[in-house]
Amino acid sequence: MMKTVVALLAIIGTAVALECFVCNSHEDQACADEFQVNSTALQNAFIKTCEEKENQTPFCRKMRMDIEVVYQNNEIRILRDCGYERREGRECYQKRSDDYIVDVCQCDEDLCNGAPSLSLAPLLALALPFFARFL
């Protein structure tokens, strides 16, 4: 009986663990928006299991930062990581200041933060019924 309980807890523990891509394009250009999610090398380098924190359920997050650099062109950085403090209400949102714009998308499935633009997914889902009429 005890072996069954331990085996069951091991299965539940693995099912709850969330895997996300964790990287920063400022440190490694392979993390940029031309991200190859099916690349074995990138998967080995960037896939991490989000740690469980007390009273916080992890989620995957992707941030696209458009940073205005004085006397240079704007710099775009992509940050993919595990998040713990969710912004309620929307899957994607934007933060702005005088010298940067940050687009943030949060999701709950394994490796969901590998998409080039998570913010387009809701728009495409809304537009699908419209285009289905013409097929």
Protein backbone atom coordinates (compact mmCIF):
# COMPACT_ATOMS: atom_id res chain seq x y z
CA MET A 1 0.00 0.00 0.00
CA MET A 2 2.79 2.43 0.89
CA LYS A 3 4.53 1.82 -2.47
CA THR A 4 1.28 2.64 -4.28
CA VAL A 5 0.92 5.95 -2.41
CA VAL A 6 4.54 6.92 -3.14
CA ALA A 7 4.13 6.04 -6.84
CA LEU A 8 0.90 8.02 -7.02
CA LEU A 9 2.52 11.07 -5.41
CA ALA A 10 5.44 10.84 -7.85
CA ILE A 11 3.03 10.82 -10.80
CA ILE A 12 1.06 13.77 -9.42
CA GLY A 13 4.29 15.68 -8.71
CA THR A 14 5.48 15.29 -12.29
CA ALA A 15 2.12 16.27 -13.74
CA VAL A 16 2.07 19.53 -11.79
CA ALA A 17 5.60 20.66 -12.76
CA LEU A 18 5.52 23.33 -15.48
CA GLU A 19 8.30 23.69 -18.04
CA CYS A 20 9.03 27.05 -19.65
CA PHE A 21 11.71 28.48 -21.89
CA VAL A 22 14.02 30.60 -19.73
CA CYS A 23 16.40 32.91 -21.59
CA ASN A 24 17.26 36.52 -22.39
CA SER A 25 18.12 37.74 -25.90
CA HIS A 26 20.48 40.35 -24.42
CA GLU A 27 22.63 37.46 -23.14
CA ASP A 28 21.98 34.98 -25.98
CA GLN A 29 20.61 36.00 -29.41
CA ALA A 30 19.15 32.50 -29.85
CA CYS A 31 16.39 33.70 -27.50
CA ALA A 32 15.25 36.44 -29.92
CA ASP A 33 11.90 36.35 -31.73
CA GLU A 34 13.18 34.13 -34.54
CA PHE A 35 13.10 31.47 -31.82
CA GLN A 36 13.33 27.88 -33.09
CA VAL A 37 11.18 26.01 -30.54
CA ASN A 38 11.85 22.64 -32.21
CA SER A 39 15.65 22.97 -32.05
CA THR A 40 17.07 20.28 -29.76
CA ALA A 41 20.02 22.53 -28.86
CA LEU A 42 17.72 25.38 -27.79
CA GLN A 43 15.47 23.00 -25.89
CA ASN A 44 18.44 21.62 -23.97
CA ALA A 45 19.77 25.10 -23.25
CA PHE A 46 16.57 26.97 -22.42
CA ILE A 47 13.93 24.56 -21.03
CA LYS A 48 13.64 24.81 -17.27
CA THR A 49 11.17 23.35 -14.80
CA CYS A 50 9.60 26.20 -12.83
CA GLU A 51 10.13 25.77 -9.13
CA GLU A 52 7.10 25.58 -6.90
CA LYS A 53 6.79 28.44 -4.46
CA GLU A 54 4.48 28.49 -1.47
CA ASN A 55 1.02 29.84 -2.37
CA GLN A 56 2.17 30.77 -5.91
CA THR A 57 1.41 28.75 -9.03
CA PRO A 58 4.05 29.24 -11.71
CA PHE A 59 3.20 30.24 -15.28
CA CYS A 60 5.29 30.86 -18.38
CA ARG A 61 5.93 34.44 -19.42
CA LYS A 62 7.38 36.17 -22.46
CA MET A 63 8.36 39.84 -22.43
CA ARG A 64 9.28 41.88 -25.51
CA MET A 65 11.09 45.04 -24.45
CA ASP A 66 11.52 47.92 -26.87
CA ILE A 67 14.16 50.05 -25.16
CA GLU A 68 15.05 53.51 -26.43
CA VAL A 69 18.80 53.88 -26.26
CA VAL A 70 20.01 57.49 -26.41
CA TYR A 71 22.17 58.23 -29.50
CA GLN A 72 21.51 54.73 -30.90
CA ASN A 73 18.72 52.79 -32.52
CA ASN A 74 16.10 51.28 -30.30
CA GLU A 75 17.02 47.92 -28.86
CA ILE A 76 14.58 45.01 -28.75
CA ARG A 77 15.09 42.40 -26.04
CA ILE A 78 13.14 39.20 -25.48
CA LEU A 79 12.93 37.67 -22.03
CA ARG A 80 11.31 34.27 -21.49
CA ASP A 81 10.93 32.97 -17.94
CA CYS A 82 8.77 31.49 -15.19
CA GLY A 83 6.43 33.97 -13.57
CA TYR A 84 4.84 33.86 -10.12
CA GLU A 85 2.86 37.10 -9.73
CA ARG A 86 0.19 36.99 -12.41
CA ARG A 87 -1.49 40.10 -13.73
CA GLU A 88 -5.17 39.21 -13.66
CA GLY A 89 -7.65 40.05 -16.37
CA ARG A 90 -5.69 39.58 -19.58
CA GLU A 91 -3.32 37.06 -21.11
CA CYS A 92 -1.25 39.89 -22.62
CA TYR A 93 -0.71 43.48 -21.53
CA GLN A 94 1.64 46.40 -22.13
CA LYS A 95 3.70 48.64 -19.84
CA ARG A 96 5.00 51.99 -21.10
CA SER A 97 7.32 54.74 -19.96
CA ASP A 98 9.21 57.52 -21.71
CA ASP A 99 12.11 55.28 -22.71
CA TYR A 100 10.67 51.77 -23.03
CA ILE A 101 7.64 49.70 -24.04
CA VAL A 102 7.21 46.20 -22.63
CA ASP A 103 4.70 43.72 -24.06
CA VAL A 104 4.07 40.87 -21.63
CA CYS A 105 2.18 37.62 -22.29
CA GLN A 106 1.54 34.96 -19.68
CA CYS A 107 0.38 31.38 -20.30
CA ASP A 108 -0.12 28.10 -18.44
CA GLU A 109 0.94 25.26 -20.76
CA ASP A 110 4.39 23.69 -21.01
CA LEU A 111 6.71 25.70 -23.29
CA CYS A 112 3.95 28.12 -24.32
CA ASN A 113 6.34 31.10 -24.09
CA GLY A 114 8.26 29.97 -27.18
CA ALA A 115 5.86 31.55 -29.66
CA PRO A 116 7.20 34.51 -31.68
CA SER A 117 4.21 36.63 -30.69
CA LEU A 118 1.83 35.35 -28.08
CA SER A 119 -0.18 38.55 -28.36
CA LEU A 120 -1.38 37.56 -31.84
CA ALA A 121 -2.93 34.28 -30.67
CA PRO A 122 -6.11 35.82 -29.17
CA LEU A 123 -6.60 37.99 -32.26
CA LEU A 124 -6.27 35.00 -34.57
CA ALA A 125 -8.75 33.02 -32.47
CA LEU A 126 -11.27 35.87 -32.75
CA ALA A 127 -10.74 36.24 -36.50
CA LEU A 128 -11.08 32.53 -37.33
CA PRO A 129 -14.91 32.47 -37.43
CA PHE A 130 -14.87 35.48 -39.75
CA PHE A 131 -12.56 33.80 -42.25
CA ALA A 132 -14.34 30.44 -41.92
CA ARG A 133 -17.36 31.96 -43.70
CA PHE A 134 -15.30 32.36 -46.87
CA LEU A 135 -13.97 28.78 -46.98
